[in-house]
């Protein structure tokens, strides 16, 4: 008996070999676990990476990005 295997098409693949991804977003597995103090001292490049990873806008100055990240990821208890 022969075994038949098929490769499942990758979601969002644009090229023939599946390497191009245009308009593809995959939600990160874990929610960020930073404190308010972490966000307040986080460098701009790291904030940009975090916001980009979650598909959020990275517009504005450093102060705006910090406030946006804290508003999006910090929950009041």
C-alpha atoms as a PDB file:
ATOM      1  CA  UNK A   1       0.000   0.000   0.000  1.00  0.00           C
ATOM      2  CA  UNK A   2       1.364   3.406  -0.955  1.00  0.00           C
ATOM      3  CA  UNK A   3       1.468   6.344   1.384  1.00  0.00           C
ATOM      4  CA  UNK A   4       0.352   9.633  -0.093  1.00  0.00           C
ATOM      5  CA  UNK A   5       1.374  12.847   1.555  1.00  0.00           C
ATOM      6  CA  UNK A   6       0.348  16.327   0.590  1.00  0.00           C
ATOM      7  CA  UNK A   7       1.787  19.562   1.830  1.00  0.00           C
ATOM      8  CA  UNK A   8      -0.909  21.850   3.170  1.00  0.00           C
ATOM      9  CA  UNK A   9      -0.906  25.278   1.554  1.00  0.00           C
ATOM     10  CA  UNK A  10       0.474  27.944   3.832  1.00  0.00           C
ATOM     11  CA  UNK A  11      -1.936  30.725   4.735  1.00  0.00           C
ATOM     12  CA  UNK A  12      -1.020  34.058   3.239  1.00  0.00           C
ATOM     13  CA  UNK A  13       1.629  32.696   0.920  1.00  0.00           C
ATOM     14  CA  UNK A  14       2.068  34.900  -2.085  1.00  0.00           C
ATOM     15  CA  UNK A  15       4.746  33.198  -4.141  1.00  0.00           C
ATOM     16  CA  UNK A  16       4.951  29.837  -5.789  1.00  0.00           C
ATOM     17  CA  UNK A  17       7.258  28.560  -3.074  1.00  0.00           C
ATOM     18  CA  UNK A  18       5.333  30.134  -0.190  1.00  0.00           C
ATOM     19  CA  UNK A  19       8.124  32.457   0.923  1.00  0.00           C
ATOM     20  CA  UNK A  20       6.388  35.772   0.216  1.00  0.00           C
ATOM     21  CA  UNK A  21       3.910  36.956   2.828  1.00  0.00           C
ATOM     22  CA  UNK A  22       1.877  40.025   2.051  1.00  0.00           C
ATOM     23  CA  UNK A  23      -0.741  41.238   4.481  1.00  0.00           C
ATOM     24  CA  UNK A  24      -0.159  38.297   6.817  1.00  0.00           C
ATOM     25  CA  UNK A  25      -0.592  38.707  10.570  1.00  0.00           C
ATOM     26  CA  UNK A  26      -0.251  36.051  13.232  1.00  0.00           C
ATOM     27  CA  UNK A  27      -1.132  36.939  16.823  1.00  0.00           C
ATOM     28  CA  UNK A  28       1.797  36.306  19.175  1.00  0.00           C
ATOM     29  CA  UNK A  29       1.381  33.372  21.515  1.00  0.00           C
ATOM     30  CA  UNK A  30       1.932  35.234  24.788  1.00  0.00           C
ATOM     31  CA  UNK A  31       0.613  38.506  26.176  1.00  0.00           C
ATOM     32  CA  UNK A  32       3.439  40.924  27.096  1.00  0.00           C
ATOM     33  CA  UNK A  33       4.293  40.816  30.799  1.00  0.00           C
ATOM     34  CA  UNK A  34       5.898  44.182  31.369  1.00  0.00           C
ATOM     35  CA  UNK A  35       5.224  46.491  34.299  1.00  0.00           C
ATOM     36  CA  UNK A  36       4.518  50.206  34.071  1.00  0.00           C
ATOM     37  CA  UNK A  37       8.125  50.853  35.111  1.00  0.00           C
ATOM     38  CA  UNK A  38       9.336  48.560  32.297  1.00  0.00           C
ATOM     39  CA  UNK A  39       7.378  50.561  29.713  1.00  0.00           C
ATOM     40  CA  UNK A  40       8.592  53.863  31.144  1.00  0.00           C
ATOM     41  CA  UNK A  41      12.244  52.842  30.766  1.00  0.00           C
ATOM     42  CA  UNK A  42      11.895  50.810  27.553  1.00  0.00           C
ATOM     43  CA  UNK A  43      13.952  52.123  24.616  1.00  0.00           C
ATOM     44  CA  UNK A  44      12.060  53.299  21.541  1.00  0.00           C
ATOM     45  CA  UNK A  45      13.312  50.485  19.306  1.00  0.00           C
ATOM     46  CA  UNK A  46      11.953  47.884  21.730  1.00  0.00           C
ATOM     47  CA  UNK A  47       8.570  49.636  21.910  1.00  0.00           C
ATOM     48  CA  UNK A  48       8.476  49.706  18.100  1.00  0.00           C
ATOM     49  CA  UNK A  49       9.175  45.962  17.953  1.00  0.00           C
ATOM     50  CA  UNK A  50       6.535  45.190  20.573  1.00  0.00           C
ATOM     51  CA  UNK A  51       3.842  47.272  18.887  1.00  0.00           C
ATOM     52  CA  UNK A  52       4.712  45.867  15.457  1.00  0.00           C
ATOM     53  CA  UNK A  53       4.578  42.311  16.811  1.00  0.00           C
ATOM     54  CA  UNK A  54       0.976  42.844  17.919  1.00  0.00           C
ATOM     55  CA  UNK A  55      -0.033  44.672  14.746  1.00  0.00           C
ATOM     56  CA  UNK A  56      -0.476  48.006  16.526  1.00  0.00           C
ATOM     57  CA  UNK A  57       0.414  51.435  15.105  1.00  0.00           C
ATOM     58  CA  UNK A  58       3.900  52.747  15.810  1.00  0.00           C
ATOM     59  CA  UNK A  59       3.211  56.394  15.009  1.00  0.00           C
ATOM     60  CA  UNK A  60       4.171  59.352  17.148  1.00  0.00           C
ATOM     61  CA  UNK A  61       7.031  60.233  19.425  1.00  0.00           C
ATOM     62  CA  UNK A  62       8.484  58.101  22.211  1.00  0.00           C
ATOM     63  CA  UNK A  63       6.120  59.546  24.834  1.00  0.00           C
ATOM     64  CA  UNK A  64       3.077  58.721  22.692  1.00  0.00           C
ATOM     65  CA  UNK A  65       4.305  55.166  21.994  1.00  0.00           C
ATOM     66  CA  UNK A  66       4.909  54.522  25.710  1.00  0.00           C
ATOM     67  CA  UNK A  67       1.453  55.778  26.647  1.00  0.00           C
ATOM     68  CA  UNK A  68      -0.140  53.759  23.867  1.00  0.00           C
ATOM     69  CA  UNK A  69       1.671  50.553  24.900  1.00  0.00           C
ATOM     70  CA  UNK A  70       0.735  51.035  28.566  1.00  0.00           C
ATOM     71  CA  UNK A  71      -2.886  51.667  27.600  1.00  0.00           C
ATOM     72  CA  UNK A  72      -2.980  48.607  25.368  1.00  0.00           C
ATOM     73  CA  UNK A  73      -1.150  46.114  27.565  1.00  0.00           C
ATOM     74  CA  UNK A  74      -1.528  47.183  31.201  1.00  0.00           C
ATOM     75  CA  UNK A  75      -4.736  46.328  33.003  1.00  0.00           C
ATOM     76  CA  UNK A  76      -5.762  47.995  36.221  1.00  0.00           C
ATOM     77  CA  UNK A  77      -6.595  45.540  38.975  1.00  0.00           C
END
